[in-house]
Amino acid sequence: MTSPVTDAQIQDLAATATPASVCVLTWTADRHQQGADATELEHQRRMVTLRADGVIAVLVPVLSDTLAGIAVLTIGVEEADALFAEDPCVRAGMMTYEVHACLTFPGDAVPRPA
């Protein structure tokens, strides 16, 4: 760990916080319904498009039988909720979702592997 963080550093970072939202997608028992592969491909296409458009800042597919993924979005909760209500996997009953308000900090990113 690096040197201790000062109160001033915490306050300086907090001053840069930007309202955002985080969406947690969860698989349902209907994940493997007929046509699921095609539906999931459309979900993936939509998520990658939202990422390319800057609506999703961080896209985290989760390799799990229960948790499908997490997305950090640059939009507010109400807009994100409406967006995910129209997701192909959500509409097909393959996933459910929860959207929460959060804060992000400019410049945060997942580092590239060395």
C-alpha atoms as a PDB file:
ATOM      1  CA  MET A   1       0.000   0.000   0.000  1.00  0.00           C
ATOM      2  CA  THR A   2       1.142   3.552  -0.639  1.00  0.00           C
ATOM      3  CA  SER A   3       1.630   6.227   1.973  1.00  0.00           C
ATOM      4  CA  PRO A   4      -1.330   7.266   4.132  1.00  0.00           C
ATOM      5  CA  VAL A   5      -3.993   9.403   2.491  1.00  0.00           C
ATOM      6  CA  THR A   6      -4.567  12.790   4.088  1.00  0.00           C
ATOM      7  CA  ASP A   7      -7.917  14.355   4.915  1.00  0.00           C
ATOM      8  CA  ALA A   8      -7.209  17.011   2.281  1.00  0.00           C
ATOM      9  CA  GLN A   9      -6.680  14.335  -0.395  1.00  0.00           C
ATOM     10  CA  ILE A  10      -9.992  12.730   0.522  1.00  0.00           C
ATOM     11  CA  GLN A  11     -11.776  16.083   0.347  1.00  0.00           C
ATOM     12  CA  ASP A  12     -10.108  16.952  -2.968  1.00  0.00           C
ATOM     13  CA  LEU A  13     -11.229  13.647  -4.500  1.00  0.00           C
ATOM     14  CA  ALA A  14     -14.745  13.952  -3.056  1.00  0.00           C
ATOM     15  CA  ALA A  15     -15.064  17.367  -4.706  1.00  0.00           C
ATOM     16  CA  THR A  16     -14.672  15.723  -8.125  1.00  0.00           C
ATOM     17  CA  ALA A  17     -17.411  13.106  -7.595  1.00  0.00           C
ATOM     18  CA  THR A  18     -19.935  12.855 -10.403  1.00  0.00           C
ATOM     19  CA  PRO A  19     -23.436  11.375  -9.982  1.00  0.00           C
ATOM     20  CA  ALA A  20     -23.869   8.134 -11.904  1.00  0.00           C
ATOM     21  CA  SER A  21     -25.596   4.781 -11.514  1.00  0.00           C
ATOM     22  CA  VAL A  22     -24.621   1.157 -11.200  1.00  0.00           C
ATOM     23  CA  CYS A  23     -26.696  -1.726 -12.535  1.00  0.00           C
ATOM     24  CA  VAL A  24     -26.467  -5.255 -11.170  1.00  0.00           C
ATOM     25  CA  LEU A  25     -27.832  -7.951 -13.514  1.00  0.00           C
ATOM     26  CA  THR A  26     -28.808 -11.339 -12.110  1.00  0.00           C
ATOM     27  CA  TRP A  27     -29.650 -14.554 -13.957  1.00  0.00           C
ATOM     28  CA  THR A  28     -33.073 -16.110 -13.381  1.00  0.00           C
ATOM     29  CA  ALA A  29     -34.190 -19.739 -13.533  1.00  0.00           C
ATOM     30  CA  ASP A  30     -35.285 -19.024 -17.145  1.00  0.00           C
ATOM     31  CA  ARG A  31     -31.705 -18.315 -18.291  1.00  0.00           C
ATOM     32  CA  HIS A  32     -31.586 -21.408 -20.535  1.00  0.00           C
ATOM     33  CA  GLN A  33     -35.006 -21.066 -22.189  1.00  0.00           C
ATOM     34  CA  GLN A  34     -35.498 -21.872 -25.845  1.00  0.00           C
ATOM     35  CA  GLY A  35     -33.757 -19.228 -27.974  1.00  0.00           C
ATOM     36  CA  ALA A  36     -31.614 -18.053 -25.051  1.00  0.00           C
ATOM     37  CA  ASP A  37     -28.362 -17.954 -27.027  1.00  0.00           C
ATOM     38  CA  ALA A  38     -29.796 -15.531 -29.601  1.00  0.00           C
ATOM     39  CA  THR A  39     -31.381 -13.386 -26.897  1.00  0.00           C
ATOM     40  CA  GLU A  40     -28.130 -13.239 -24.942  1.00  0.00           C
ATOM     41  CA  LEU A  41     -26.212 -12.260 -28.092  1.00  0.00           C
ATOM     42  CA  GLU A  42     -28.598  -9.327 -28.600  1.00  0.00           C
ATOM     43  CA  HIS A  43     -28.116  -8.366 -24.929  1.00  0.00           C
ATOM     44  CA  GLN A  44     -24.334  -8.446 -25.434  1.00  0.00           C
ATOM     45  CA  ARG A  45     -24.593  -6.387 -28.633  1.00  0.00           C
ATOM     46  CA  ARG A  46     -26.679  -3.797 -26.804  1.00  0.00           C
ATOM     47  CA  MET A  47     -24.311  -3.626 -23.831  1.00  0.00           C
ATOM     48  CA  VAL A  48     -21.232  -3.233 -26.051  1.00  0.00           C
ATOM     49  CA  THR A  49     -23.039  -0.528 -28.050  1.00  0.00           C
ATOM     50  CA  LEU A  50     -23.911   1.349 -24.844  1.00  0.00           C
ATOM     51  CA  ARG A  51     -20.264   1.079 -23.828  1.00  0.00           C
ATOM     52  CA  ALA A  52     -19.089   2.372 -27.216  1.00  0.00           C
ATOM     53  CA  ASP A  53     -21.563   5.264 -26.910  1.00  0.00           C
ATOM     54  CA  GLY A  54     -20.206   6.211 -23.473  1.00  0.00           C
ATOM     55  CA  VAL A  55     -23.412   5.357 -21.595  1.00  0.00           C
ATOM     56  CA  ILE A  56     -21.662   2.456 -19.876  1.00  0.00           C
ATOM     57  CA  ALA A  57     -18.339   3.599 -18.420  1.00  0.00           C
ATOM     58  CA  VAL A  58     -17.298   0.217 -17.035  1.00  0.00           C
ATOM     59  CA  LEU A  59     -18.767  -3.081 -18.244  1.00  0.00           C
ATOM     60  CA  VAL A  60     -18.170  -6.121 -16.018  1.00  0.00           C
ATOM     61  CA  PRO A  61     -19.556  -9.448 -17.252  1.00  0.00           C
ATOM     62  CA  VAL A  62     -19.473 -11.884 -14.319  1.00  0.00           C
ATOM     63  CA  LEU A  63     -18.620 -15.543 -14.795  1.00  0.00           C
ATOM     64  CA  SER A  64     -21.266 -16.958 -12.492  1.00  0.00           C
ATOM     65  CA  ASP A  65     -24.467 -18.963 -12.615  1.00  0.00           C
ATOM     66  CA  THR A  66     -26.235 -16.330 -10.512  1.00  0.00           C
ATOM     67  CA  LEU A  67     -24.701 -12.891 -11.126  1.00  0.00           C
ATOM     68  CA  ALA A  68     -24.698 -11.952 -14.821  1.00  0.00           C
ATOM     69  CA  GLY A  69     -22.837  -8.665 -14.679  1.00  0.00           C
ATOM     70  CA  ILE A  70     -22.377  -5.145 -13.419  1.00  0.00           C
ATOM     71  CA  ALA A  71     -22.371  -1.909 -15.376  1.00  0.00           C
ATOM     72  CA  VAL A  72     -21.302   1.517 -14.169  1.00  0.00           C
ATOM     73  CA  LEU A  73     -23.292   4.055 -16.142  1.00  0.00           C
ATOM     74  CA  THR A  74     -22.794   7.742 -16.850  1.00  0.00           C
ATOM     75  CA  ILE A  75     -26.540   8.381 -16.586  1.00  0.00           C
ATOM     76  CA  GLY A  76     -28.898   8.739 -13.645  1.00  0.00           C
ATOM     77  CA  VAL A  77     -30.978   6.062 -11.969  1.00  0.00           C
ATOM     78  CA  GLU A  78     -34.275   6.821 -13.694  1.00  0.00           C
ATOM     79  CA  GLU A  79     -32.752   6.788 -17.166  1.00  0.00           C
ATOM     80  CA  ALA A  80     -30.754   3.634 -16.385  1.00  0.00           C
ATOM     81  CA  ASP A  81     -33.861   1.912 -15.020  1.00  0.00           C
ATOM     82  CA  ALA A  82     -35.768   2.668 -18.226  1.00  0.00           C
ATOM     83  CA  LEU A  83     -32.791   1.498 -20.303  1.00  0.00           C
ATOM     84  CA  PHE A  84     -32.482  -1.862 -18.557  1.00  0.00           C
ATOM     85  CA  ALA A  85     -36.232  -2.482 -18.550  1.00  0.00           C
ATOM     86  CA  GLU A  86     -35.849  -2.774 -22.348  1.00  0.00           C
ATOM     87  CA  ASP A  87     -32.857  -5.144 -22.255  1.00  0.00           C
ATOM     88  CA  PRO A  88     -33.503  -8.289 -24.357  1.00  0.00           C
ATOM     89  CA  CYS A  89     -32.578 -10.697 -21.531  1.00  0.00           C
ATOM     90  CA  VAL A  90     -34.684  -8.767 -19.014  1.00  0.00           C
ATOM     91  CA  ARG A  91     -37.670  -8.692 -21.361  1.00  0.00           C
ATOM     92  CA  ALA A  92     -37.312 -12.438 -21.973  1.00  0.00           C
ATOM     93  CA  GLY A  93     -37.246 -13.125 -18.223  1.00  0.00           C
ATOM     94  CA  MET A  94     -33.672 -14.446 -18.356  1.00  0.00           C
ATOM     95  CA  MET A  95     -32.311 -11.660 -16.118  1.00  0.00           C
ATOM     96  CA  THR A  96     -33.477  -9.266 -13.476  1.00  0.00           C
ATOM     97  CA  TYR A  97     -31.716  -6.029 -12.624  1.00  0.00           C
ATOM     98  CA  GLU A  98     -31.275  -3.471  -9.868  1.00  0.00           C
ATOM     99  CA  VAL A  99     -30.118   0.093 -10.455  1.00  0.00           C
ATOM    100  CA  HIS A 100     -28.504   2.139  -7.683  1.00  0.00           C
ATOM    101  CA  ALA A 101     -27.308   5.730  -7.508  1.00  0.00           C
ATOM    102  CA  CYS A 102     -23.561   6.041  -7.080  1.00  0.00           C
ATOM    103  CA  LEU A 103     -20.697   8.464  -7.491  1.00  0.00           C
ATOM    104  CA  THR A 104     -17.764   8.128  -9.867  1.00  0.00           C
ATOM    105  CA  PHE A 105     -14.451   9.945 -10.089  1.00  0.00           C
ATOM    106  CA  PRO A 106     -13.009  11.340 -13.339  1.00  0.00           C
ATOM    107  CA  GLY A 107     -10.164   9.248 -14.685  1.00  0.00           C
ATOM    108  CA  ASP A 108     -10.974   6.052 -12.798  1.00  0.00           C
ATOM    109  CA  ALA A 109     -10.506   3.018 -15.013  1.00  0.00           C
ATOM    110  CA  VAL A 110      -9.668  -0.661 -14.908  1.00  0.00           C
ATOM    111  CA  PRO A 111      -5.929  -0.919 -15.628  1.00  0.00           C
ATOM    112  CA  ARG A 112      -4.733  -2.850 -18.657  1.00  0.00           C
ATOM    113  CA  PRO A 113      -2.904  -6.113 -17.920  1.00  0.00           C
ATOM    114  CA  ALA A 114       0.862  -5.751 -17.851  1.00  0.00           C
END
